[in-house]
N, C-alpha and C. Protein backbone atom coordinates (compact mmCIF):
# COMPACT_ATOMS: atom_id res chain seq x y z
N MET A 1 216.35 101.12 96.03
CA MET A 1 217.60 100.57 95.55
C MET A 1 218.46 101.70 95.02
N THR A 2 219.71 101.66 95.32
CA THR A 2 220.62 102.69 94.82
C THR A 2 221.15 102.27 93.46
N GLY A 3 221.72 103.21 92.75
CA GLY A 3 222.26 102.93 91.43
C GLY A 3 223.55 102.14 91.49
N MET A 4 224.00 101.68 90.35
CA MET A 4 225.23 100.89 90.28
C MET A 4 226.43 101.71 90.73
N ASN A 5 226.42 102.99 90.51
CA ASN A 5 227.47 103.88 90.99
C ASN A 5 226.83 104.83 91.99
N SER A 6 226.46 104.30 93.13
CA SER A 6 225.72 105.08 94.11
C SER A 6 226.64 105.99 94.90
N ALA A 7 226.06 106.75 95.76
CA ALA A 7 226.80 107.72 96.57
C ALA A 7 227.48 107.09 97.78
N ILE A 8 227.52 105.78 97.89
CA ILE A 8 228.12 105.14 99.07
C ILE A 8 229.60 104.86 98.88
N ASN A 9 230.19 105.42 97.85
CA ASN A 9 231.63 105.36 97.63
C ASN A 9 232.16 103.94 97.53
N GLN A 10 231.48 103.11 96.76
CA GLN A 10 231.95 101.76 96.49
C GLN A 10 232.15 101.63 94.98
N PRO A 11 233.05 100.78 94.56
CA PRO A 11 233.26 100.62 93.12
C PRO A 11 232.02 100.04 92.45
N PRO A 12 231.87 100.28 91.15
CA PRO A 12 230.73 99.71 90.43
C PRO A 12 230.76 98.19 90.51
N ARG A 13 229.59 97.60 90.40
CA ARG A 13 229.44 96.16 90.47
C ARG A 13 228.65 95.70 89.25
N MET A 14 229.10 94.66 88.61
CA MET A 14 228.37 94.13 87.47
C MET A 14 227.17 93.33 87.98
N ILE A 15 226.02 93.58 87.38
CA ILE A 15 224.83 92.81 87.72
C ILE A 15 224.41 92.03 86.47
N ILE A 16 223.89 90.86 86.68
CA ILE A 16 223.48 89.99 85.58
C ILE A 16 221.97 89.76 85.68
N HIS A 17 221.26 90.10 84.60
CA HIS A 17 219.81 89.95 84.55
C HIS A 17 219.43 88.81 83.61
N GLN A 18 218.39 88.10 83.98
CA GLN A 18 217.78 87.08 83.12
C GLN A 18 216.63 87.73 82.37
N SER A 19 216.58 87.55 81.07
CA SER A 19 215.48 88.13 80.29
C SER A 19 214.21 87.31 80.49
N MET A 20 213.13 88.02 80.76
CA MET A 20 211.85 87.35 81.00
C MET A 20 211.28 86.78 79.70
N TRP A 21 211.54 87.42 78.57
CA TRP A 21 211.00 86.88 77.32
C TRP A 21 211.58 85.50 77.02
N SER A 22 212.79 85.25 77.49
CA SER A 22 213.39 83.93 77.24
C SER A 22 212.82 82.85 78.15
N MET A 23 212.02 83.25 79.12
CA MET A 23 211.40 82.29 80.03
C MET A 23 210.00 81.88 79.56
N ILE A 24 209.52 82.47 78.47
CA ILE A 24 208.20 82.12 77.93
C ILE A 24 208.23 80.68 77.46
N ASN A 25 207.21 79.93 77.81
CA ASN A 25 207.05 78.51 77.46
C ASN A 25 208.14 77.63 78.07
N TYR A 26 208.83 78.13 79.07
CA TYR A 26 209.88 77.35 79.72
C TYR A 26 209.31 76.69 80.96
N GLY A 27 209.63 75.43 81.15
CA GLY A 27 209.13 74.72 82.31
C GLY A 27 209.55 73.27 82.29
N SER A 28 208.73 72.46 82.90
CA SER A 28 209.02 71.03 82.95
C SER A 28 207.71 70.24 82.99
N HIS A 29 207.82 68.98 82.63
CA HIS A 29 206.67 68.07 82.65
C HIS A 29 205.52 68.61 81.79
N ASN A 30 205.85 69.13 80.61
CA ASN A 30 204.86 69.66 79.66
C ASN A 30 204.00 70.77 80.25
N ARG A 31 204.58 71.55 81.16
CA ARG A 31 203.85 72.65 81.80
C ARG A 31 204.80 73.83 81.95
N GLU A 32 204.31 75.00 81.51
CA GLU A 32 205.13 76.20 81.69
C GLU A 32 205.17 76.54 83.17
N TRP A 33 206.35 76.99 83.63
CA TRP A 33 206.49 77.40 85.02
C TRP A 33 205.61 78.61 85.31
N SER A 34 205.11 78.69 86.52
CA SER A 34 204.39 79.87 86.97
C SER A 34 205.39 81.01 87.13
N LEU A 35 204.88 82.21 87.31
CA LEU A 35 205.76 83.35 87.53
C LEU A 35 206.61 83.14 88.77
N GLU A 36 206.01 82.60 89.83
CA GLU A 36 206.75 82.33 91.05
C GLU A 36 207.89 81.34 90.80
N GLU A 37 207.61 80.29 90.03
CA GLU A 37 208.64 79.30 89.72
C GLU A 37 209.76 79.92 88.88
N LYS A 38 209.40 80.78 87.96
CA LYS A 38 210.41 81.43 87.12
C LYS A 38 211.34 82.29 87.98
N PHE A 39 210.77 83.08 88.88
CA PHE A 39 211.59 83.91 89.75
C PHE A 39 212.49 83.03 90.63
N GLU A 40 211.93 81.96 91.15
CA GLU A 40 212.72 81.06 92.00
C GLU A 40 213.89 80.46 91.22
N ARG A 41 213.63 80.00 90.01
CA ARG A 41 214.69 79.39 89.19
C ARG A 41 215.75 80.43 88.80
N ILE A 42 215.30 81.64 88.51
CA ILE A 42 216.25 82.71 88.16
C ILE A 42 217.17 82.99 89.35
N ALA A 43 216.58 83.05 90.54
CA ALA A 43 217.39 83.29 91.74
C ALA A 43 218.34 82.13 91.99
N GLU A 44 217.85 80.90 91.85
CA GLU A 44 218.69 79.72 92.08
C GLU A 44 219.89 79.69 91.12
N ALA A 45 219.69 80.21 89.91
CA ALA A 45 220.76 80.23 88.91
C ALA A 45 221.77 81.34 89.18
N GLY A 46 221.50 82.20 90.17
CA GLY A 46 222.47 83.21 90.56
C GLY A 46 222.32 84.58 89.91
N PHE A 47 221.22 84.80 89.22
CA PHE A 47 221.01 86.11 88.59
C PHE A 47 220.70 87.16 89.65
N ASP A 48 221.03 88.42 89.32
CA ASP A 48 220.79 89.55 90.22
C ASP A 48 219.43 90.19 90.01
N GLY A 49 218.80 89.89 88.90
CA GLY A 49 217.53 90.52 88.60
C GLY A 49 216.99 90.04 87.28
N ILE A 50 216.00 90.80 86.80
CA ILE A 50 215.34 90.44 85.55
C ILE A 50 215.38 91.60 84.57
N PHE A 51 215.25 91.25 83.30
CA PHE A 51 215.16 92.20 82.21
C PHE A 51 213.88 91.87 81.48
N GLY A 52 212.96 92.81 81.42
CA GLY A 52 211.70 92.53 80.75
C GLY A 52 210.81 93.74 80.67
N SER A 53 209.62 93.50 80.19
CA SER A 53 208.60 94.54 80.09
C SER A 53 207.97 94.77 81.45
N LEU A 54 207.33 95.92 81.60
CA LEU A 54 206.58 96.17 82.82
C LEU A 54 205.39 95.21 82.87
N PRO A 55 205.04 94.74 84.05
CA PRO A 55 203.92 93.80 84.13
C PRO A 55 202.58 94.49 83.84
N GLU A 56 201.61 93.70 83.48
CA GLU A 56 200.25 94.20 83.33
C GLU A 56 199.78 94.71 84.68
N PRO A 57 198.91 95.72 84.70
CA PRO A 57 198.44 96.25 86.00
C PRO A 57 197.89 95.18 86.93
N SER A 58 197.24 94.16 86.39
CA SER A 58 196.67 93.10 87.23
C SER A 58 197.75 92.23 87.88
N GLU A 59 198.99 92.28 87.37
CA GLU A 59 200.09 91.47 87.91
C GLU A 59 201.09 92.28 88.71
N GLU A 60 200.87 93.60 88.82
CA GLU A 60 201.86 94.46 89.47
C GLU A 60 202.16 94.06 90.91
N LYS A 61 201.14 93.76 91.69
CA LYS A 61 201.36 93.42 93.10
C LYS A 61 202.20 92.15 93.22
N GLN A 62 201.88 91.15 92.43
CA GLN A 62 202.64 89.89 92.46
C GLN A 62 204.10 90.14 92.07
N TRP A 63 204.32 90.94 91.03
CA TRP A 63 205.68 91.27 90.60
C TRP A 63 206.45 91.98 91.69
N ARG A 64 205.82 92.96 92.30
CA ARG A 64 206.48 93.71 93.37
C ARG A 64 206.88 92.78 94.52
N ASN A 65 205.96 91.91 94.89
CA ASN A 65 206.25 90.96 95.98
C ASN A 65 207.42 90.05 95.63
N LEU A 66 207.42 89.52 94.41
CA LEU A 66 208.51 88.63 93.99
C LEU A 66 209.83 89.36 93.86
N MET A 67 209.78 90.58 93.32
CA MET A 67 211.02 91.38 93.20
C MET A 67 211.61 91.62 94.59
N GLU A 68 210.76 91.93 95.54
CA GLU A 68 211.24 92.18 96.91
C GLU A 68 211.73 90.88 97.56
N GLN A 69 210.96 89.82 97.39
CA GLN A 69 211.33 88.53 97.99
C GLN A 69 212.72 88.07 97.55
N TYR A 70 213.00 88.23 96.27
CA TYR A 70 214.29 87.76 95.73
C TYR A 70 215.33 88.86 95.65
N LYS A 71 214.98 90.07 96.09
CA LYS A 71 215.91 91.21 96.09
C LYS A 71 216.48 91.45 94.69
N PHE A 72 215.61 91.34 93.70
CA PHE A 72 216.01 91.51 92.31
C PHE A 72 216.02 92.98 91.91
N SER A 73 216.93 93.31 91.02
CA SER A 73 216.90 94.58 90.33
C SER A 73 216.15 94.36 89.02
N PHE A 74 215.81 95.46 88.36
CA PHE A 74 214.95 95.38 87.19
C PHE A 74 215.50 96.24 86.06
N GLY A 75 215.71 95.62 84.91
CA GLY A 75 216.05 96.32 83.68
C GLY A 75 214.85 96.24 82.75
N LEU A 76 214.51 97.34 82.15
CA LEU A 76 213.27 97.42 81.37
C LEU A 76 213.54 97.41 79.87
N GLU A 77 212.87 96.50 79.17
CA GLU A 77 212.90 96.50 77.71
C GLU A 77 211.66 97.24 77.23
N SER A 78 211.81 98.00 76.15
CA SER A 78 210.66 98.75 75.65
C SER A 78 210.79 98.98 74.16
N PHE A 79 209.63 99.17 73.54
CA PHE A 79 209.57 99.39 72.09
C PHE A 79 208.63 100.56 71.80
N PRO A 80 208.98 101.76 72.27
CA PRO A 80 208.08 102.90 72.03
C PRO A 80 208.04 103.28 70.56
N SER A 81 206.86 103.64 70.09
CA SER A 81 206.75 104.05 68.69
C SER A 81 206.43 105.54 68.56
N LYS A 82 206.16 106.19 69.68
CA LYS A 82 205.97 107.64 69.66
C LYS A 82 206.37 108.22 71.01
N ARG A 83 206.57 109.51 71.04
CA ARG A 83 207.06 110.20 72.22
C ARG A 83 206.20 109.92 73.46
N GLU A 84 204.90 109.94 73.30
CA GLU A 84 203.99 109.72 74.44
C GLU A 84 204.16 108.31 75.01
N ASP A 85 204.42 107.31 74.16
CA ASP A 85 204.68 105.95 74.66
C ASP A 85 205.85 105.95 75.62
N LEU A 86 206.91 106.62 75.24
CA LEU A 86 208.11 106.66 76.07
C LEU A 86 207.85 107.43 77.37
N ARG A 87 207.11 108.51 77.29
CA ARG A 87 206.79 109.30 78.48
C ARG A 87 206.00 108.46 79.49
N ARG A 88 204.97 107.76 79.02
CA ARG A 88 204.17 106.90 79.92
C ARG A 88 205.01 105.77 80.49
N LEU A 89 205.85 105.20 79.66
CA LEU A 89 206.72 104.11 80.09
C LEU A 89 207.65 104.57 81.21
N MET A 90 208.25 105.74 81.04
CA MET A 90 209.18 106.24 82.05
C MET A 90 208.47 106.56 83.37
N GLU A 91 207.25 107.04 83.30
CA GLU A 91 206.48 107.30 84.51
C GLU A 91 206.22 106.01 85.28
N ARG A 92 205.82 104.97 84.57
CA ARG A 92 205.59 103.67 85.23
C ARG A 92 206.91 103.06 85.70
N ALA A 93 207.98 103.26 84.96
CA ALA A 93 209.28 102.69 85.33
C ALA A 93 209.74 103.22 86.68
N LYS A 94 209.46 104.49 86.97
CA LYS A 94 209.84 105.06 88.26
C LYS A 94 209.20 104.30 89.41
N ASP A 95 207.97 103.85 89.21
CA ASP A 95 207.25 103.11 90.26
C ASP A 95 207.86 101.73 90.53
N PHE A 96 208.65 101.23 89.59
CA PHE A 96 209.25 99.91 89.74
C PHE A 96 210.75 99.98 90.04
N ASP A 97 211.27 101.15 90.32
CA ASP A 97 212.68 101.32 90.65
C ASP A 97 213.57 100.68 89.58
N VAL A 98 213.22 100.91 88.33
CA VAL A 98 213.96 100.36 87.20
C VAL A 98 215.36 100.96 87.16
N GLN A 99 216.37 100.11 86.99
CA GLN A 99 217.76 100.58 86.95
C GLN A 99 218.16 101.14 85.61
N TYR A 100 217.62 100.59 84.54
CA TYR A 100 217.96 101.06 83.20
C TYR A 100 216.81 100.72 82.26
N VAL A 101 216.75 101.45 81.16
CA VAL A 101 215.73 101.22 80.14
C VAL A 101 216.41 100.99 78.80
N ASN A 102 216.11 99.89 78.18
CA ASN A 102 216.57 99.60 76.83
C ASN A 102 215.40 99.96 75.92
N ALA A 103 215.46 101.13 75.30
CA ALA A 103 214.39 101.61 74.44
C ALA A 103 214.76 101.39 72.98
N GLN A 104 214.07 100.49 72.34
CA GLN A 104 214.28 100.21 70.92
C GLN A 104 213.18 100.96 70.17
N VAL A 105 213.50 102.16 69.75
CA VAL A 105 212.50 103.06 69.19
C VAL A 105 212.00 102.56 67.85
N GLY A 106 210.69 102.49 67.73
CA GLY A 106 210.07 102.10 66.47
C GLY A 106 210.39 100.67 66.10
N ASN A 107 210.98 100.49 64.92
CA ASN A 107 211.35 99.15 64.46
C ASN A 107 212.62 99.23 63.63
N ALA A 108 213.10 98.11 63.22
CA ALA A 108 214.38 98.03 62.52
C ALA A 108 214.35 98.69 61.14
N PHE A 109 213.18 99.00 60.62
CA PHE A 109 213.08 99.54 59.28
C PHE A 109 212.88 101.06 59.25
N MET A 110 212.88 101.69 60.42
CA MET A 110 212.71 103.14 60.48
C MET A 110 214.03 103.83 60.18
N THR A 111 213.96 104.92 59.43
CA THR A 111 215.17 105.69 59.12
C THR A 111 215.51 106.59 60.29
N ASP A 112 216.76 107.08 60.32
CA ASP A 112 217.23 107.93 61.41
C ASP A 112 216.32 109.14 61.63
N ASP A 113 215.94 109.80 60.54
CA ASP A 113 215.14 111.02 60.64
C ASP A 113 213.81 110.74 61.34
N VAL A 114 213.20 109.63 61.02
CA VAL A 114 211.91 109.28 61.62
C VAL A 114 212.08 108.99 63.10
N VAL A 115 213.12 108.25 63.46
CA VAL A 115 213.36 107.92 64.86
C VAL A 115 213.65 109.18 65.67
N VAL A 116 214.48 110.06 65.14
CA VAL A 116 214.82 111.31 65.85
C VAL A 116 213.56 112.15 66.05
N ALA A 117 212.68 112.18 65.09
CA ALA A 117 211.44 112.93 65.21
C ALA A 117 210.55 112.38 66.32
N LEU A 118 210.67 111.10 66.63
CA LEU A 118 209.88 110.49 67.71
C LEU A 118 210.40 110.86 69.09
N SER A 119 211.68 111.20 69.18
CA SER A 119 212.27 111.42 70.51
C SER A 119 212.04 112.82 71.03
């Protein structure tokens, strides 16, 4: 997948992602939707992709298949607490053709100096 401002000389395009965390416990008939159902519903609603964490290694193949089936782009949410966390995350993100990474370093109670030291 090329970037939003790719080398093909076309104007930027806005993409809309559905957050996967908001799909937790979402479903019908007292049953949470399967991952396949969630992707199908996201596509039916007109989203261009998903925003979420990287899948567990045991789910990677299924995620890749669904991402390809629905031609979804991927935005990555992350909560690294140390430099090595971010390094590992970025290595895995390359394998998923992630378009952007939302890195929320540490937590809301960390001071600037502590966060900068982590980067």
